């Protein structure tokens, strides 16, 4: 599985990790309409495979509670191993204190405002 970056070097690439297809579709479409390249993963396992295979990603936006054995915390930690200090944005519909956030990450409670997510992606992703 090889994911290549868009040919436009100024285009922000966001890996969206969300197991609920409707939420993944809504945020993915919003980010694409705003000019971002979006790579979608329906599970933590899929996201880990993409990151391991060298997906060119500027920001990771992940739900915390994912189906399967790999949760959003695991995705964020793995992204930092494979992509250095890549920005990670976590989201959850549960009112929890995010104990495993990687340094320099953000947390959004669901329901979140897609515009706020876009602004965070742009701010963390180096102003693309």
C-alpha atoms as a PDB file:
ATOM      1  CA  UNK A   1       0.000   0.000   0.000  1.00  0.00           C
ATOM      2  CA  UNK A   2       1.697   3.174  -1.188  1.00  0.00           C
ATOM      3  CA  UNK A   3       0.223   6.625  -0.698  1.00  0.00           C
ATOM      4  CA  UNK A   4       1.889   9.461  -2.570  1.00  0.00           C
ATOM      5  CA  UNK A   5       1.620  13.132  -1.731  1.00  0.00           C
ATOM      6  CA  UNK A   6      -0.370  15.338  -4.082  1.00  0.00           C
ATOM      7  CA  UNK A   7       1.784  17.018  -6.726  1.00  0.00           C
ATOM      8  CA  UNK A   8       1.098  20.434  -5.144  1.00  0.00           C
ATOM      9  CA  UNK A   9       3.755  20.783  -2.392  1.00  0.00           C
ATOM     10  CA  UNK A  10       1.727  23.517  -0.662  1.00  0.00           C
ATOM     11  CA  UNK A  11      -1.345  21.315  -0.234  1.00  0.00           C
ATOM     12  CA  UNK A  12      -1.879  20.094   3.329  1.00  0.00           C
ATOM     13  CA  UNK A  13      -2.271  16.314   3.588  1.00  0.00           C
ATOM     14  CA  UNK A  14      -4.417  15.037   6.468  1.00  0.00           C
ATOM     15  CA  UNK A  15      -4.763  11.404   7.506  1.00  0.00           C
ATOM     16  CA  UNK A  16      -8.321  11.036   8.852  1.00  0.00           C
ATOM     17  CA  UNK A  17      -8.789   7.954  11.042  1.00  0.00           C
ATOM     18  CA  UNK A  18     -12.446   7.320  11.873  1.00  0.00           C
ATOM     19  CA  UNK A  19     -14.332   4.026  12.025  1.00  0.00           C
ATOM     20  CA  UNK A  20     -17.771   5.613  11.623  1.00  0.00           C
ATOM     21  CA  UNK A  21     -18.076   6.014   7.847  1.00  0.00           C
ATOM     22  CA  UNK A  22     -20.486   8.958   7.990  1.00  0.00           C
ATOM     23  CA  UNK A  23     -18.228  11.002  10.258  1.00  0.00           C
ATOM     24  CA  UNK A  24     -15.203  10.062   8.142  1.00  0.00           C
ATOM     25  CA  UNK A  25     -17.091  11.145   5.013  1.00  0.00           C
ATOM     26  CA  UNK A  26     -18.254  14.455   6.530  1.00  0.00           C
ATOM     27  CA  UNK A  27     -14.855  15.593   7.837  1.00  0.00           C
ATOM     28  CA  UNK A  28     -13.036  14.212   4.797  1.00  0.00           C
ATOM     29  CA  UNK A  29     -15.320  16.073   2.403  1.00  0.00           C
ATOM     30  CA  UNK A  30     -15.061  19.280   4.428  1.00  0.00           C
ATOM     31  CA  UNK A  31     -11.263  19.166   4.426  1.00  0.00           C
ATOM     32  CA  UNK A  32     -11.128  18.326   0.691  1.00  0.00           C
ATOM     33  CA  UNK A  33     -13.517  21.176  -0.138  1.00  0.00           C
ATOM     34  CA  UNK A  34     -11.179  23.485   1.808  1.00  0.00           C
ATOM     35  CA  UNK A  35      -8.248  22.423  -0.390  1.00  0.00           C
ATOM     36  CA  UNK A  36      -6.635  19.679   1.684  1.00  0.00           C
ATOM     37  CA  UNK A  37      -5.609  16.293   0.406  1.00  0.00           C
ATOM     38  CA  UNK A  38      -7.280  13.670   2.608  1.00  0.00           C
ATOM     39  CA  UNK A  39      -6.189  10.099   3.167  1.00  0.00           C
ATOM     40  CA  UNK A  40      -8.870   8.078   4.950  1.00  0.00           C
ATOM     41  CA  UNK A  41      -8.442   5.094   7.244  1.00  0.00           C
ATOM     42  CA  UNK A  42     -11.450   3.203   8.589  1.00  0.00           C
ATOM     43  CA  UNK A  43      -9.468   1.569  11.405  1.00  0.00           C
ATOM     44  CA  UNK A  44      -6.393   2.020  13.520  1.00  0.00           C
ATOM     45  CA  UNK A  45      -4.840  -1.003  11.850  1.00  0.00           C
ATOM     46  CA  UNK A  46      -5.293   0.567   8.404  1.00  0.00           C
ATOM     47  CA  UNK A  47      -3.818   3.857   9.627  1.00  0.00           C
ATOM     48  CA  UNK A  48      -0.773   2.068  11.069  1.00  0.00           C
ATOM     49  CA  UNK A  49      -0.209   0.246   7.777  1.00  0.00           C
ATOM     50  CA  UNK A  50      -0.397   3.540   5.843  1.00  0.00           C
ATOM     51  CA  UNK A  51       2.029   5.247   8.214  1.00  0.00           C
ATOM     52  CA  UNK A  52       4.396   2.273   8.170  1.00  0.00           C
ATOM     53  CA  UNK A  53       4.305   2.252   4.343  1.00  0.00           C
ATOM     54  CA  UNK A  54       5.438   5.881   4.303  1.00  0.00           C
ATOM     55  CA  UNK A  55       2.231   7.775   3.582  1.00  0.00           C
ATOM     56  CA  UNK A  56       3.177  11.433   3.053  1.00  0.00           C
ATOM     57  CA  UNK A  57       1.098  13.073   5.782  1.00  0.00           C
ATOM     58  CA  UNK A  58       1.263  16.536   7.370  1.00  0.00           C
ATOM     59  CA  UNK A  59      -1.345  16.038  10.132  1.00  0.00           C
ATOM     60  CA  UNK A  60      -3.110  13.048  11.704  1.00  0.00           C
ATOM     61  CA  UNK A  61      -6.738  13.532  12.773  1.00  0.00           C
ATOM     62  CA  UNK A  62      -7.915  10.463  14.676  1.00  0.00           C
ATOM     63  CA  UNK A  63     -10.856   9.319  16.704  1.00  0.00           C
ATOM     64  CA  UNK A  64      -9.715   7.787  19.995  1.00  0.00           C
ATOM     65  CA  UNK A  65     -12.191   4.906  20.256  1.00  0.00           C
ATOM     66  CA  UNK A  66     -11.798   2.807  17.124  1.00  0.00           C
ATOM     67  CA  UNK A  67     -13.049  -0.671  16.350  1.00  0.00           C
ATOM     68  CA  UNK A  68     -10.335  -3.293  16.534  1.00  0.00           C
ATOM     69  CA  UNK A  69      -7.229  -3.599  18.661  1.00  0.00           C
ATOM     70  CA  UNK A  70      -5.591  -0.285  17.693  1.00  0.00           C
ATOM     71  CA  UNK A  71      -7.062   2.890  19.183  1.00  0.00           C
ATOM     72  CA  UNK A  72      -6.400   6.535  18.374  1.00  0.00           C
ATOM     73  CA  UNK A  73      -3.784   6.854  21.107  1.00  0.00           C
ATOM     74  CA  UNK A  74      -1.858   4.024  19.415  1.00  0.00           C
ATOM     75  CA  UNK A  75      -2.190   5.754  16.028  1.00  0.00           C
ATOM     76  CA  UNK A  76      -0.827   9.032  17.429  1.00  0.00           C
ATOM     77  CA  UNK A  77       2.114   7.329  19.091  1.00  0.00           C
ATOM     78  CA  UNK A  78       2.928   5.305  15.951  1.00  0.00           C
ATOM     79  CA  UNK A  79       2.706   8.432  13.784  1.00  0.00           C
ATOM     80  CA  UNK A  80       5.359  10.044  15.935  1.00  0.00           C
ATOM     81  CA  UNK A  81       7.622   7.008  15.528  1.00  0.00           C
ATOM     82  CA  UNK A  82       7.290   6.929  11.720  1.00  0.00           C
ATOM     83  CA  UNK A  83       6.892  10.665  10.996  1.00  0.00           C
ATOM     84  CA  UNK A  84       8.837  12.482  13.730  1.00  0.00           C
ATOM     85  CA  UNK A  85       6.957  15.350  15.356  1.00  0.00           C
ATOM     86  CA  UNK A  86       3.921  15.136  13.084  1.00  0.00           C
ATOM     87  CA  UNK A  87       0.936  17.013  14.543  1.00  0.00           C
ATOM     88  CA  UNK A  88      -1.817  14.786  15.933  1.00  0.00           C
ATOM     89  CA  UNK A  89      -5.390  15.891  16.579  1.00  0.00           C
ATOM     90  CA  UNK A  90      -7.548  13.551  18.660  1.00  0.00           C
ATOM     91  CA  UNK A  91     -11.347  13.447  18.786  1.00  0.00           C
ATOM     92  CA  UNK A  92     -13.764  11.613  21.043  1.00  0.00           C
ATOM     93  CA  UNK A  93     -17.435  11.629  21.884  1.00  0.00           C
ATOM     94  CA  UNK A  94     -16.681  10.573  25.431  1.00  0.00           C
ATOM     95  CA  UNK A  95     -15.876  13.114  28.123  1.00  0.00           C
ATOM     96  CA  UNK A  96     -12.503  11.791  29.135  1.00  0.00           C
ATOM     97  CA  UNK A  97      -9.225  13.349  30.056  1.00  0.00           C
ATOM     98  CA  UNK A  98      -6.835  12.431  27.232  1.00  0.00           C
ATOM     99  CA  UNK A  99      -3.994  10.817  29.194  1.00  0.00           C
ATOM    100  CA  UNK A 100      -1.911   9.536  26.268  1.00  0.00           C
ATOM    101  CA  UNK A 101      -1.741  12.556  23.976  1.00  0.00           C
ATOM    102  CA  UNK A 102       1.581  13.002  22.251  1.00  0.00           C
ATOM    103  CA  UNK A 103       3.339  16.292  22.957  1.00  0.00           C
ATOM    104  CA  UNK A 104       2.021  19.206  20.944  1.00  0.00           C
ATOM    105  CA  UNK A 105      -1.263  17.527  20.033  1.00  0.00           C
ATOM    106  CA  UNK A 106      -4.829  18.803  20.320  1.00  0.00           C
ATOM    107  CA  UNK A 107      -8.075  17.246  21.521  1.00  0.00           C
ATOM    108  CA  UNK A 108     -11.602  17.898  20.178  1.00  0.00           C
ATOM    109  CA  UNK A 109     -14.792  16.666  21.822  1.00  0.00           C
ATOM    110  CA  UNK A 110     -17.485  15.302  19.520  1.00  0.00           C
ATOM    111  CA  UNK A 111     -19.476  16.805  18.061  1.00  0.00           C
ATOM    112  CA  UNK A 112     -16.733  19.063  16.764  1.00  0.00           C
ATOM    113  CA  UNK A 113     -16.934  21.978  14.368  1.00  0.00           C
ATOM    114  CA  UNK A 114     -15.294  20.979  11.042  1.00  0.00           C
ATOM    115  CA  UNK A 115     -14.086  24.566  10.589  1.00  0.00           C
ATOM    116  CA  UNK A 116     -12.256  24.384  13.929  1.00  0.00           C
ATOM    117  CA  UNK A 117     -10.643  21.098  12.845  1.00  0.00           C
ATOM    118  CA  UNK A 118      -9.579  22.684   9.544  1.00  0.00           C
ATOM    119  CA  UNK A 119      -8.062  25.682  11.342  1.00  0.00           C
ATOM    120  CA  UNK A 120      -6.196  23.367  13.735  1.00  0.00           C
ATOM    121  CA  UNK A 121      -4.894  21.255  10.833  1.00  0.00           C
ATOM    122  CA  UNK A 122      -3.647  24.348   9.048  1.00  0.00           C
ATOM    123  CA  UNK A 123      -2.079  25.849  12.173  1.00  0.00           C
ATOM    124  CA  UNK A 124      -0.350  22.607  13.198  1.00  0.00           C
ATOM    125  CA  UNK A 125       0.511  21.570   9.662  1.00  0.00           C
ATOM    126  CA  UNK A 126       2.831  24.485   9.097  1.00  0.00           C
ATOM    127  CA  UNK A 127       0.370  26.988   7.662  1.00  0.00           C
ATOM    128  CA  UNK A 128      -0.315  25.111   4.398  1.00  0.00           C
END
